[in-house]
Amino acid sequence: MGGSRRSDPILGGKPMKEIFMTTITGMGVGVVFAVFKLPVPAPPVFAGLMGIFGLWLGYGLVGRFF
């Protein structure tokens, strides 16, 4: 219907190609960090990672419903 794209607060209205390329780039940087044995600039434990994910998800939900 008309080709209009509704902005999605979770994905930020980004096309899937851009999201895919960003993920691949992040994986490539992760490989470089591992090869050179550099510390990863991210929370070292799964709980920290889930905290960041929860923040992102909460922001998206508020944007969608409020």
C-alpha atoms as a PDB file:
ATOM      1  CA  MET A   1       0.000   0.000   0.000  1.00  0.00           C
ATOM      2  CA  GLY A   2       1.836   3.063  -1.216  1.00  0.00           C
ATOM      3  CA  GLY A   3       5.277   1.914  -0.090  1.00  0.00           C
ATOM      4  CA  SER A   4       5.220   4.002   3.089  1.00  0.00           C
ATOM      5  CA  ARG A   5       7.257   2.558   5.919  1.00  0.00           C
ATOM      6  CA  ARG A   6       6.046   2.962   9.486  1.00  0.00           C
ATOM      7  CA  SER A   7       8.815   3.909  11.911  1.00  0.00           C
ATOM      8  CA  ASP A   8       9.404   1.092  14.379  1.00  0.00           C
ATOM      9  CA  PRO A   9      10.775   2.281  17.766  1.00  0.00           C
ATOM     10  CA  ILE A  10      12.459  -1.085  18.370  1.00  0.00           C
ATOM     11  CA  LEU A  11      14.364  -1.180  15.069  1.00  0.00           C
ATOM     12  CA  GLY A  12      14.483   2.598  14.737  1.00  0.00           C
ATOM     13  CA  GLY A  13      13.045   2.475  11.231  1.00  0.00           C
ATOM     14  CA  LYS A  14      16.334   1.084   9.885  1.00  0.00           C
ATOM     15  CA  PRO A  15      16.264  -1.201   6.872  1.00  0.00           C
ATOM     16  CA  MET A  16      17.287  -4.787   7.561  1.00  0.00           C
ATOM     17  CA  LYS A  17      20.345  -4.476   5.291  1.00  0.00           C
ATOM     18  CA  GLU A  18      21.768  -1.726   7.522  1.00  0.00           C
ATOM     19  CA  ILE A  19      21.091  -3.758  10.669  1.00  0.00           C
ATOM     20  CA  PHE A  20      22.710  -6.827   9.083  1.00  0.00           C
ATOM     21  CA  MET A  21      25.789  -4.871   7.975  1.00  0.00           C
ATOM     22  CA  THR A  22      26.152  -3.329  11.431  1.00  0.00           C
ATOM     23  CA  THR A  23      26.004  -6.784  13.013  1.00  0.00           C
ATOM     24  CA  ILE A  24      28.633  -8.147  10.603  1.00  0.00           C
ATOM     25  CA  THR A  25      30.876  -5.134  11.303  1.00  0.00           C
ATOM     26  CA  GLY A  26      30.540  -5.704  15.043  1.00  0.00           C
ATOM     27  CA  MET A  27      31.438  -9.358  14.625  1.00  0.00           C
ATOM     28  CA  GLY A  28      34.505  -8.369  12.586  1.00  0.00           C
ATOM     29  CA  VAL A  29      35.642  -5.960  15.293  1.00  0.00           C
ATOM     30  CA  GLY A  30      35.113  -8.731  17.854  1.00  0.00           C
ATOM     31  CA  VAL A  31      37.385 -11.013  15.832  1.00  0.00           C
ATOM     32  CA  VAL A  32      40.095  -8.324  15.745  1.00  0.00           C
ATOM     33  CA  PHE A  33      39.823  -7.869  19.527  1.00  0.00           C
ATOM     34  CA  ALA A  34      40.124 -11.638  20.035  1.00  0.00           C
ATOM     35  CA  VAL A  35      43.100 -12.030  17.660  1.00  0.00           C
ATOM     36  CA  PHE A  36      45.044  -9.250  19.388  1.00  0.00           C
ATOM     37  CA  LYS A  37      43.859 -10.412  22.829  1.00  0.00           C
ATOM     38  CA  LEU A  38      42.411  -6.996  23.660  1.00  0.00           C
ATOM     39  CA  PRO A  39      39.765  -6.529  26.352  1.00  0.00           C
ATOM     40  CA  VAL A  40      36.281  -6.213  24.914  1.00  0.00           C
ATOM     41  CA  PRO A  41      34.730  -2.794  25.694  1.00  0.00           C
ATOM     42  CA  ALA A  42      31.511  -4.362  26.983  1.00  0.00           C
ATOM     43  CA  PRO A  43      30.211  -5.704  30.274  1.00  0.00           C
ATOM     44  CA  PRO A  44      32.275  -8.772  31.176  1.00  0.00           C
ATOM     45  CA  VAL A  45      29.321 -10.723  32.555  1.00  0.00           C
ATOM     46  CA  PHE A  46      26.044 -11.831  31.052  1.00  0.00           C
ATOM     47  CA  ALA A  47      24.035  -9.900  33.674  1.00  0.00           C
ATOM     48  CA  GLY A  48      25.593  -6.621  32.493  1.00  0.00           C
ATOM     49  CA  LEU A  49      24.786  -7.439  28.898  1.00  0.00           C
ATOM     50  CA  MET A  50      21.182  -8.238  29.810  1.00  0.00           C
ATOM     51  CA  GLY A  51      20.968  -4.929  31.683  1.00  0.00           C
ATOM     52  CA  ILE A  52      21.908  -3.068  28.513  1.00  0.00           C
ATOM     53  CA  PHE A  53      19.420  -5.135  26.506  1.00  0.00           C
ATOM     54  CA  GLY A  54      16.702  -4.391  29.081  1.00  0.00           C
ATOM     55  CA  LEU A  55      17.397  -0.670  28.831  1.00  0.00           C
ATOM     56  CA  TRP A  56      17.116  -0.813  25.042  1.00  0.00           C
ATOM     57  CA  LEU A  57      13.937  -2.884  25.184  1.00  0.00           C
ATOM     58  CA  GLY A  58      12.295  -0.624  27.784  1.00  0.00           C
ATOM     59  CA  TYR A  59      13.067   2.455  25.708  1.00  0.00           C
ATOM     60  CA  GLY A  60      11.546   0.812  22.640  1.00  0.00           C
ATOM     61  CA  LEU A  61       8.405  -0.272  24.491  1.00  0.00           C
ATOM     62  CA  VAL A  62       7.788   3.215  25.880  1.00  0.00           C
ATOM     63  CA  GLY A  63       8.277   4.654  22.389  1.00  0.00           C
ATOM     64  CA  ARG A  64       5.777   2.204  20.964  1.00  0.00           C
ATOM     65  CA  PHE A  65       2.992   2.403  23.573  1.00  0.00           C
ATOM     66  CA  PHE A  66       3.233   5.872  25.162  1.00  0.00           C
END
